């Protein structure tokens, strides 16, 4: 197995964990300018992280619209993510 394939995670991106962390910070409006610049640059070149970004953004937008002014169970977003990626 080559170094590249060993470094590559099963999802297809070696930077996925870092990107996911920054993505959540961005969607919560808590990312630094540098973090936002990094993620925006990365998702231009990485389709896997771009797709993850779009899914996360759509989930949050859907939750805002459908559950406005309602208490959301703490595990709901994760449950939705799991179901989305199981069916993909």
C-alpha atoms as a PDB file:
ATOM      1  CA  UNK A   1       0.000   0.000   0.000  1.00  0.00           C
ATOM      2  CA  UNK A   2       1.442   3.404  -0.924  1.00  0.00           C
ATOM      3  CA  UNK A   3       1.856   6.329   1.475  1.00  0.00           C
ATOM      4  CA  UNK A   4      -0.909   8.205  -0.303  1.00  0.00           C
ATOM      5  CA  UNK A   5      -3.466   5.440   0.095  1.00  0.00           C
ATOM      6  CA  UNK A   6      -2.465   4.912   3.732  1.00  0.00           C
ATOM      7  CA  UNK A   7      -2.998   8.614   4.471  1.00  0.00           C
ATOM      8  CA  UNK A   8      -6.271   8.753   2.572  1.00  0.00           C
ATOM      9  CA  UNK A   9      -9.228   8.094   4.824  1.00  0.00           C
ATOM     10  CA  UNK A  10     -12.002   5.770   3.745  1.00  0.00           C
ATOM     11  CA  UNK A  11     -14.196   8.745   2.850  1.00  0.00           C
ATOM     12  CA  UNK A  12     -11.737   9.950   0.210  1.00  0.00           C
ATOM     13  CA  UNK A  13     -10.261  13.022   1.919  1.00  0.00           C
ATOM     14  CA  UNK A  14      -7.163  13.216   4.085  1.00  0.00           C
ATOM     15  CA  UNK A  15      -8.387  16.487   5.638  1.00  0.00           C
ATOM     16  CA  UNK A  16     -11.967  15.414   6.333  1.00  0.00           C
ATOM     17  CA  UNK A  17     -11.875  15.614  10.149  1.00  0.00           C
ATOM     18  CA  UNK A  18     -10.329  19.083  10.057  1.00  0.00           C
ATOM     19  CA  UNK A  19     -12.827  20.239   7.434  1.00  0.00           C
ATOM     20  CA  UNK A  20     -15.797  18.861   9.354  1.00  0.00           C
ATOM     21  CA  UNK A  21     -14.682  20.659  12.501  1.00  0.00           C
ATOM     22  CA  UNK A  22     -14.296  23.949  10.626  1.00  0.00           C
ATOM     23  CA  UNK A  23     -17.580  23.363   8.811  1.00  0.00           C
ATOM     24  CA  UNK A  24     -19.475  23.122  12.090  1.00  0.00           C
ATOM     25  CA  UNK A  25     -17.736  26.247  13.365  1.00  0.00           C
ATOM     26  CA  UNK A  26     -18.684  28.092  10.168  1.00  0.00           C
ATOM     27  CA  UNK A  27     -22.309  27.042  10.304  1.00  0.00           C
ATOM     28  CA  UNK A  28     -22.414  28.211  13.927  1.00  0.00           C
ATOM     29  CA  UNK A  29     -20.740  31.514  12.943  1.00  0.00           C
ATOM     30  CA  UNK A  30     -17.789  30.716  15.215  1.00  0.00           C
ATOM     31  CA  UNK A  31     -14.989  30.077  12.667  1.00  0.00           C
ATOM     32  CA  UNK A  32     -12.081  32.462  12.317  1.00  0.00           C
ATOM     33  CA  UNK A  33     -11.463  34.210   9.003  1.00  0.00           C
ATOM     34  CA  UNK A  34      -8.490  31.908   8.408  1.00  0.00           C
ATOM     35  CA  UNK A  35     -10.594  28.806   9.043  1.00  0.00           C
ATOM     36  CA  UNK A  36     -13.300  30.022   6.670  1.00  0.00           C
ATOM     37  CA  UNK A  37     -10.722  30.795   3.985  1.00  0.00           C
ATOM     38  CA  UNK A  38      -9.186  27.345   4.406  1.00  0.00           C
ATOM     39  CA  UNK A  39     -12.502  25.518   4.118  1.00  0.00           C
ATOM     40  CA  UNK A  40     -13.723  27.591   1.185  1.00  0.00           C
ATOM     41  CA  UNK A  41     -10.471  26.926  -0.650  1.00  0.00           C
ATOM     42  CA  UNK A  42     -10.558  23.227   0.233  1.00  0.00           C
ATOM     43  CA  UNK A  43     -14.143  22.599  -0.894  1.00  0.00           C
ATOM     44  CA  UNK A  44     -13.349  24.146  -4.280  1.00  0.00           C
ATOM     45  CA  UNK A  45     -10.974  21.222  -4.870  1.00  0.00           C
ATOM     46  CA  UNK A  46     -12.538  18.427  -2.785  1.00  0.00           C
ATOM     47  CA  UNK A  47     -15.907  17.151  -3.937  1.00  0.00           C
ATOM     48  CA  UNK A  48     -16.361  14.958  -0.861  1.00  0.00           C
ATOM     49  CA  UNK A  49     -16.015  17.890   1.550  1.00  0.00           C
ATOM     50  CA  UNK A  50     -18.102  20.117  -0.720  1.00  0.00           C
ATOM     51  CA  UNK A  51     -20.925  17.572  -0.647  1.00  0.00           C
ATOM     52  CA  UNK A  52     -20.627  17.299   3.135  1.00  0.00           C
ATOM     53  CA  UNK A  53     -20.786  21.090   3.385  1.00  0.00           C
ATOM     54  CA  UNK A  54     -23.944  21.205   1.271  1.00  0.00           C
ATOM     55  CA  UNK A  55     -25.634  18.426   3.284  1.00  0.00           C
ATOM     56  CA  UNK A  56     -24.819  20.088   6.604  1.00  0.00           C
ATOM     57  CA  UNK A  57     -26.005  23.477   5.346  1.00  0.00           C
ATOM     58  CA  UNK A  58     -29.266  22.033   4.013  1.00  0.00           C
ATOM     59  CA  UNK A  59     -29.942  20.129   7.235  1.00  0.00           C
ATOM     60  CA  UNK A  60     -29.511  23.285   9.287  1.00  0.00           C
ATOM     61  CA  UNK A  61     -31.673  25.342   6.943  1.00  0.00           C
ATOM     62  CA  UNK A  62     -34.390  22.687   7.005  1.00  0.00           C
ATOM     63  CA  UNK A  63     -34.306  22.517  10.783  1.00  0.00           C
ATOM     64  CA  UNK A  64     -34.552  26.316  11.046  1.00  0.00           C
ATOM     65  CA  UNK A  65     -37.574  26.449   8.759  1.00  0.00           C
ATOM     66  CA  UNK A  66     -39.430  23.394  10.027  1.00  0.00           C
ATOM     67  CA  UNK A  67     -38.692  23.805  13.698  1.00  0.00           C
ATOM     68  CA  UNK A  68     -38.743  27.565  14.140  1.00  0.00           C
ATOM     69  CA  UNK A  69     -39.335  28.450  17.776  1.00  0.00           C
ATOM     70  CA  UNK A  70     -39.513  24.799  18.808  1.00  0.00           C
ATOM     71  CA  UNK A  71     -37.152  22.849  21.026  1.00  0.00           C
ATOM     72  CA  UNK A  72     -35.031  20.451  18.955  1.00  0.00           C
ATOM     73  CA  UNK A  73     -33.905  17.162  20.533  1.00  0.00           C
ATOM     74  CA  UNK A  74     -30.124  17.139  20.926  1.00  0.00           C
ATOM     75  CA  UNK A  75     -29.535  14.075  18.724  1.00  0.00           C
ATOM     76  CA  UNK A  76     -31.892  14.997  15.873  1.00  0.00           C
ATOM     77  CA  UNK A  77     -29.292  16.498  13.495  1.00  0.00           C
ATOM     78  CA  UNK A  78     -26.951  13.523  13.943  1.00  0.00           C
ATOM     79  CA  UNK A  79     -29.819  11.107  13.393  1.00  0.00           C
ATOM     80  CA  UNK A  80     -30.729  12.860  10.133  1.00  0.00           C
ATOM     81  CA  UNK A  81     -27.078  12.853   8.979  1.00  0.00           C
ATOM     82  CA  UNK A  82     -26.792   9.119   9.691  1.00  0.00           C
ATOM     83  CA  UNK A  83     -29.957   8.323   7.735  1.00  0.00           C
ATOM     84  CA  UNK A  84     -28.915  10.531   4.796  1.00  0.00           C
ATOM     85  CA  UNK A  85     -25.522   8.852   4.457  1.00  0.00           C
ATOM     86  CA  UNK A  86     -26.933   5.355   4.927  1.00  0.00           C
ATOM     87  CA  UNK A  87     -29.207   5.854   1.955  1.00  0.00           C
ATOM     88  CA  UNK A  88     -26.466   7.455  -0.202  1.00  0.00           C
END
